[in-house]
Amino acid sequence: MNQKEIWCVVNPSVGLPLFLGAVAATSLIVHGAVLANTDWIAAYWQGGKSEKVAMAPANAAEMPATLVANASPAK
């Protein structure tokens, strides 16, 4: 514990609750900001949209070269 001298200045019965309260308050503020500033949370809570998802090819060789990232055309 490299900060042991702090308890000579601040009593642990005061410092620990302040520290833990600050961590809890920061966590609530960050989570609130995420909930307020994202648009996908409301859709997630509503269950989202029911969409059919296309199955991906089982083998990468079946995928056209235009869909493969950084693919060069076959020679």
C-alpha atoms as a PDB file:
ATOM      1  CA  MET A   1       0.000   0.000   0.000  1.00  0.00           C
ATOM      2  CA  ASN A   2       1.925   3.001  -1.243  1.00  0.00           C
ATOM      3  CA  GLN A   3      -0.551   5.614   0.039  1.00  0.00           C
ATOM      4  CA  LYS A   4      -0.657   4.560   3.700  1.00  0.00           C
ATOM      5  CA  GLU A   5       0.175   8.067   4.965  1.00  0.00           C
ATOM      6  CA  ILE A   6      -3.175   9.414   3.728  1.00  0.00           C
ATOM      7  CA  TRP A   7      -4.846   7.877   6.789  1.00  0.00           C
ATOM      8  CA  CYS A   8      -2.736  10.169   9.000  1.00  0.00           C
ATOM      9  CA  VAL A   9      -4.582  13.108   7.387  1.00  0.00           C
ATOM     10  CA  VAL A  10      -8.034  11.628   6.759  1.00  0.00           C
ATOM     11  CA  ASN A  11      -9.752   9.299   9.179  1.00  0.00           C
ATOM     12  CA  PRO A  12     -10.652   5.982   7.466  1.00  0.00           C
ATOM     13  CA  SER A  13     -14.208   6.205   8.800  1.00  0.00           C
ATOM     14  CA  VAL A  14     -14.596   9.391   6.737  1.00  0.00           C
ATOM     15  CA  GLY A  15     -12.299   8.674   3.772  1.00  0.00           C
ATOM     16  CA  LEU A  16     -13.575   5.242   2.799  1.00  0.00           C
ATOM     17  CA  PRO A  17     -17.260   6.205   2.590  1.00  0.00           C
ATOM     18  CA  LEU A  18     -16.316   9.324   0.614  1.00  0.00           C
ATOM     19  CA  PHE A  19     -14.208   7.290  -1.787  1.00  0.00           C
ATOM     20  CA  LEU A  20     -16.838   4.594  -2.277  1.00  0.00           C
ATOM     21  CA  GLY A  21     -19.562   7.211  -2.641  1.00  0.00           C
ATOM     22  CA  ALA A  22     -17.520   9.002  -5.308  1.00  0.00           C
ATOM     23  CA  VAL A  23     -17.065   5.719  -7.207  1.00  0.00           C
ATOM     24  CA  ALA A  24     -20.798   4.987  -7.035  1.00  0.00           C
ATOM     25  CA  ALA A  25     -21.739   8.524  -8.112  1.00  0.00           C
ATOM     26  CA  THR A  26     -19.307   8.419 -11.035  1.00  0.00           C
ATOM     27  CA  SER A  27     -20.705   5.065 -12.129  1.00  0.00           C
ATOM     28  CA  LEU A  28     -24.280   6.345 -12.031  1.00  0.00           C
ATOM     29  CA  ILE A  29     -23.341   9.488 -13.981  1.00  0.00           C
ATOM     30  CA  VAL A  30     -21.560   7.490 -16.688  1.00  0.00           C
ATOM     31  CA  HIS A  31     -24.387   4.975 -17.006  1.00  0.00           C
ATOM     32  CA  GLY A  32     -26.948   7.782 -17.141  1.00  0.00           C
ATOM     33  CA  ALA A  33     -24.986   9.523 -19.884  1.00  0.00           C
ATOM     34  CA  VAL A  34     -24.831   6.310 -21.915  1.00  0.00           C
ATOM     35  CA  LEU A  35     -28.570   5.760 -21.539  1.00  0.00           C
ATOM     36  CA  ALA A  36     -29.378   9.355 -22.446  1.00  0.00           C
ATOM     37  CA  ASN A  37     -27.064   9.644 -25.452  1.00  0.00           C
ATOM     38  CA  THR A  38     -27.564   6.390 -27.335  1.00  0.00           C
ATOM     39  CA  ASP A  39     -30.410   5.585 -29.661  1.00  0.00           C
ATOM     40  CA  TRP A  40     -30.181   1.799 -29.523  1.00  0.00           C
ATOM     41  CA  ILE A  41     -31.085   1.459 -25.810  1.00  0.00           C
ATOM     42  CA  ALA A  42     -34.785   2.174 -26.400  1.00  0.00           C
ATOM     43  CA  ALA A  43     -34.926  -0.383 -29.219  1.00  0.00           C
ATOM     44  CA  TYR A  44     -33.153  -2.900 -27.008  1.00  0.00           C
ATOM     45  CA  TRP A  45     -35.660  -2.390 -24.205  1.00  0.00           C
ATOM     46  CA  GLN A  46     -38.545  -2.778 -26.670  1.00  0.00           C
ATOM     47  CA  GLY A  47     -37.159  -6.038 -27.970  1.00  0.00           C
ATOM     48  CA  GLY A  48     -35.796  -4.604 -31.199  1.00  0.00           C
ATOM     49  CA  LYS A  49     -37.102  -5.429 -34.633  1.00  0.00           C
ATOM     50  CA  SER A  50     -37.814  -8.953 -35.767  1.00  0.00           C
ATOM     51  CA  GLU A  51     -35.685  -9.397 -38.857  1.00  0.00           C
ATOM     52  CA  LYS A  52     -34.645 -12.468 -40.715  1.00  0.00           C
ATOM     53  CA  VAL A  53     -30.888 -12.766 -40.737  1.00  0.00           C
ATOM     54  CA  ALA A  54     -29.264 -14.302 -43.785  1.00  0.00           C
ATOM     55  CA  MET A  55     -27.104 -17.285 -43.019  1.00  0.00           C
ATOM     56  CA  ALA A  56     -23.412 -16.753 -43.671  1.00  0.00           C
ATOM     57  CA  PRO A  57     -21.660 -19.201 -46.003  1.00  0.00           C
ATOM     58  CA  ALA A  58     -20.147 -22.126 -44.154  1.00  0.00           C
ATOM     59  CA  ASN A  59     -16.956 -21.893 -46.183  1.00  0.00           C
ATOM     60  CA  ALA A  60     -15.017 -18.729 -46.985  1.00  0.00           C
ATOM     61  CA  ALA A  61     -14.331 -20.098 -50.486  1.00  0.00           C
ATOM     62  CA  GLU A  62     -18.043 -19.805 -51.257  1.00  0.00           C
ATOM     63  CA  MET A  63     -17.985 -16.063 -50.576  1.00  0.00           C
ATOM     64  CA  PRO A  64     -17.477 -13.807 -53.622  1.00  0.00           C
ATOM     65  CA  ALA A  65     -14.158 -11.960 -53.717  1.00  0.00           C
ATOM     66  CA  THR A  66     -15.935  -8.595 -53.707  1.00  0.00           C
ATOM     67  CA  LEU A  67     -17.198  -9.264 -50.184  1.00  0.00           C
ATOM     68  CA  VAL A  68     -13.852 -10.323 -48.756  1.00  0.00           C
ATOM     69  CA  ALA A  69     -11.967  -7.412 -47.218  1.00  0.00           C
ATOM     70  CA  ASN A  70      -8.828  -6.373 -49.096  1.00  0.00           C
ATOM     71  CA  ALA A  71      -9.327  -9.085 -51.711  1.00  0.00           C
ATOM     72  CA  SER A  72      -7.571  -8.784 -55.025  1.00  0.00           C
ATOM     73  CA  PRO A  73      -9.256 -10.140 -58.170  1.00  0.00           C
ATOM     74  CA  ALA A  74      -8.190 -13.642 -59.215  1.00  0.00           C
ATOM     75  CA  LYS A  75      -5.630 -13.824 -62.020  1.00  0.00           C
END
